[in-house]
Amino acid sequence: MRIILCCNAGLSTTMLMDSMKKTVENSQKLNSADFTFKAIPADALDSEIDNCDAIVIGPQVAHKVDQIKDLAEPRHIPYVVVDKETYGAMDGATVIKSVLIAQRKIELQK
């Protein structure tokens, strides 16, 4: 699963990405070889979206969710907006769980 994290371009999103990677690496059920992560500015998503399976939207760019939705939904790519509390705690486990749930919902809609 190729996951793109959308942000303004800040360091904190890379920290969340690292937490997500550690969650996958430490998981008994997930295989780290099945996951890749990339943090990009939200404005660059249109050039990267065809190379991803899921999108994570940081709270600092949540105001762009409609723009991201317009790119993601026609391609059946799940997206999740990380709330400020989860982001502030750098809770990669919660974000991974949200991504997997969103992906499953998309699969069930097909």
Protein backbone atom coordinates (compact mmCIF):
# COMPACT_ATOMS: atom_id res chain seq x y z
CA MET A 1 0.00 0.00 0.00
CA ARG A 2 1.43 3.32 -1.09
CA ILE A 3 0.35 6.02 1.35
CA ILE A 4 0.82 9.71 0.67
CA LEU A 5 0.72 12.16 3.56
CA CYS A 6 -0.39 15.64 2.53
CA CYS A 7 0.93 18.59 4.48
CA ASN A 8 2.21 22.11 4.07
CA ALA A 9 5.76 20.66 3.78
CA GLY A 10 6.63 20.62 7.44
CA LEU A 11 8.75 18.46 9.67
CA SER A 12 5.84 17.30 11.80
CA THR A 13 4.28 15.29 8.96
CA THR A 14 7.54 13.42 8.52
CA MET A 15 7.41 12.62 12.24
CA LEU A 16 3.88 11.24 11.84
CA MET A 17 5.03 9.23 8.81
CA ASP A 18 7.85 7.74 10.89
CA SER A 19 5.34 6.80 13.60
CA MET A 20 3.16 5.10 10.98
CA LYS A 21 6.18 3.18 9.65
CA LYS A 22 7.04 1.99 13.17
CA THR A 23 3.46 0.87 13.71
CA VAL A 24 3.60 -1.26 10.57
CA GLU A 25 7.06 -2.63 11.43
CA ASN A 26 5.94 -3.60 14.94
CA SER A 27 2.66 -5.13 13.82
CA GLN A 28 2.05 -8.86 13.99
CA LYS A 29 -0.54 -8.63 11.18
CA LEU A 30 0.96 -6.09 8.77
CA ASN A 31 4.00 -6.67 6.58
CA SER A 32 6.25 -3.63 6.29
CA ALA A 33 7.28 -4.71 2.78
CA ASP A 34 3.67 -4.06 1.71
CA PHE A 35 3.79 -0.38 2.70
CA THR A 36 5.52 2.71 1.35
CA PHE A 37 5.07 6.22 2.68
CA LYS A 38 5.69 9.61 1.16
CA ALA A 39 5.06 13.09 2.57
CA ILE A 40 4.31 15.81 0.04
CA PRO A 41 2.82 19.30 0.01
CA ALA A 42 -0.94 19.12 -0.59
CA ASP A 43 -0.54 21.29 -3.68
CA ALA A 44 1.64 18.59 -5.29
CA LEU A 45 -0.96 15.84 -4.89
CA ASP A 46 -2.31 16.13 -8.42
CA SER A 47 1.07 15.04 -9.81
CA GLU A 48 1.44 12.16 -7.32
CA ILE A 49 -2.08 10.82 -6.88
CA ASP A 50 -1.85 8.15 -9.57
CA ASN A 51 1.06 6.62 -7.63
CA CYS A 52 -0.78 6.07 -4.36
CA ASP A 53 -3.32 3.79 -2.74
CA ALA A 54 -4.37 6.04 0.13
CA ILE A 55 -4.06 9.67 1.21
CA VAL A 56 -3.54 11.00 4.72
CA ILE A 57 -4.45 14.66 5.16
CA GLY A 58 -2.79 16.55 7.99
CA PRO A 59 -4.96 18.93 10.02
CA GLN A 60 -2.94 21.90 8.78
CA VAL A 61 -4.27 21.29 5.24
CA ALA A 62 -7.73 19.97 6.18
CA HIS A 63 -9.20 23.07 4.52
CA LYS A 64 -8.14 21.53 1.19
CA VAL A 65 -10.19 18.36 1.71
CA ASP A 66 -12.70 19.25 -1.03
CA GLN A 67 -9.89 19.71 -3.55
CA ILE A 68 -8.31 16.40 -2.46
CA LYS A 69 -11.69 14.65 -2.52
CA ASP A 70 -12.21 15.78 -6.14
CA LEU A 71 -8.91 14.11 -7.06
CA ALA A 72 -9.33 10.97 -4.94
CA GLU A 73 -12.95 9.90 -5.35
CA PRO A 74 -12.98 9.39 -9.15
CA ARG A 75 -9.91 7.16 -8.72
CA HIS A 76 -11.46 5.27 -5.76
CA ILE A 77 -8.55 6.25 -3.54
CA PRO A 78 -9.40 6.43 0.16
CA TYR A 79 -8.43 9.51 2.13
CA VAL A 80 -8.50 10.33 5.81
CA VAL A 81 -8.19 13.63 7.63
CA VAL A 82 -6.12 13.34 10.79
CA ASP A 83 -7.64 15.22 13.71
CA LYS A 84 -5.50 17.63 15.72
CA GLU A 85 -5.32 15.40 18.80
CA THR A 86 -4.13 12.35 16.89
CA TYR A 87 -1.68 14.48 14.93
CA GLY A 88 -0.38 16.21 18.04
CA ALA A 89 0.19 12.84 19.72
CA MET A 90 1.93 11.54 16.55
CA ASP A 91 -0.33 8.49 16.89
CA GLY A 92 0.68 6.52 13.82
CA ALA A 93 -1.30 3.47 14.94
CA THR A 94 -4.59 5.35 14.88
CA VAL A 95 -3.79 6.83 11.48
CA ILE A 96 -2.87 3.42 10.00
CA LYS A 97 -6.08 1.95 11.40
CA SER A 98 -8.11 4.79 9.86
CA VAL A 99 -6.42 4.30 6.48
CA LEU A 100 -7.09 0.55 6.50
CA ILE A 101 -10.74 1.12 7.42
CA ALA A 102 -11.14 3.73 4.66
CA GLN A 103 -9.52 1.37 2.16
CA ARG A 104 -11.86 -1.45 3.17
CA LYS A 105 -14.90 0.83 2.73
CA ILE A 106 -13.76 1.70 -0.80
CA GLU A 107 -13.29 -2.00 -1.61
CA LEU A 108 -16.79 -2.80 -0.38
CA GLN A 109 -18.29 -0.06 -2.55
CA LYS A 110 -16.81 -1.50 -5.74
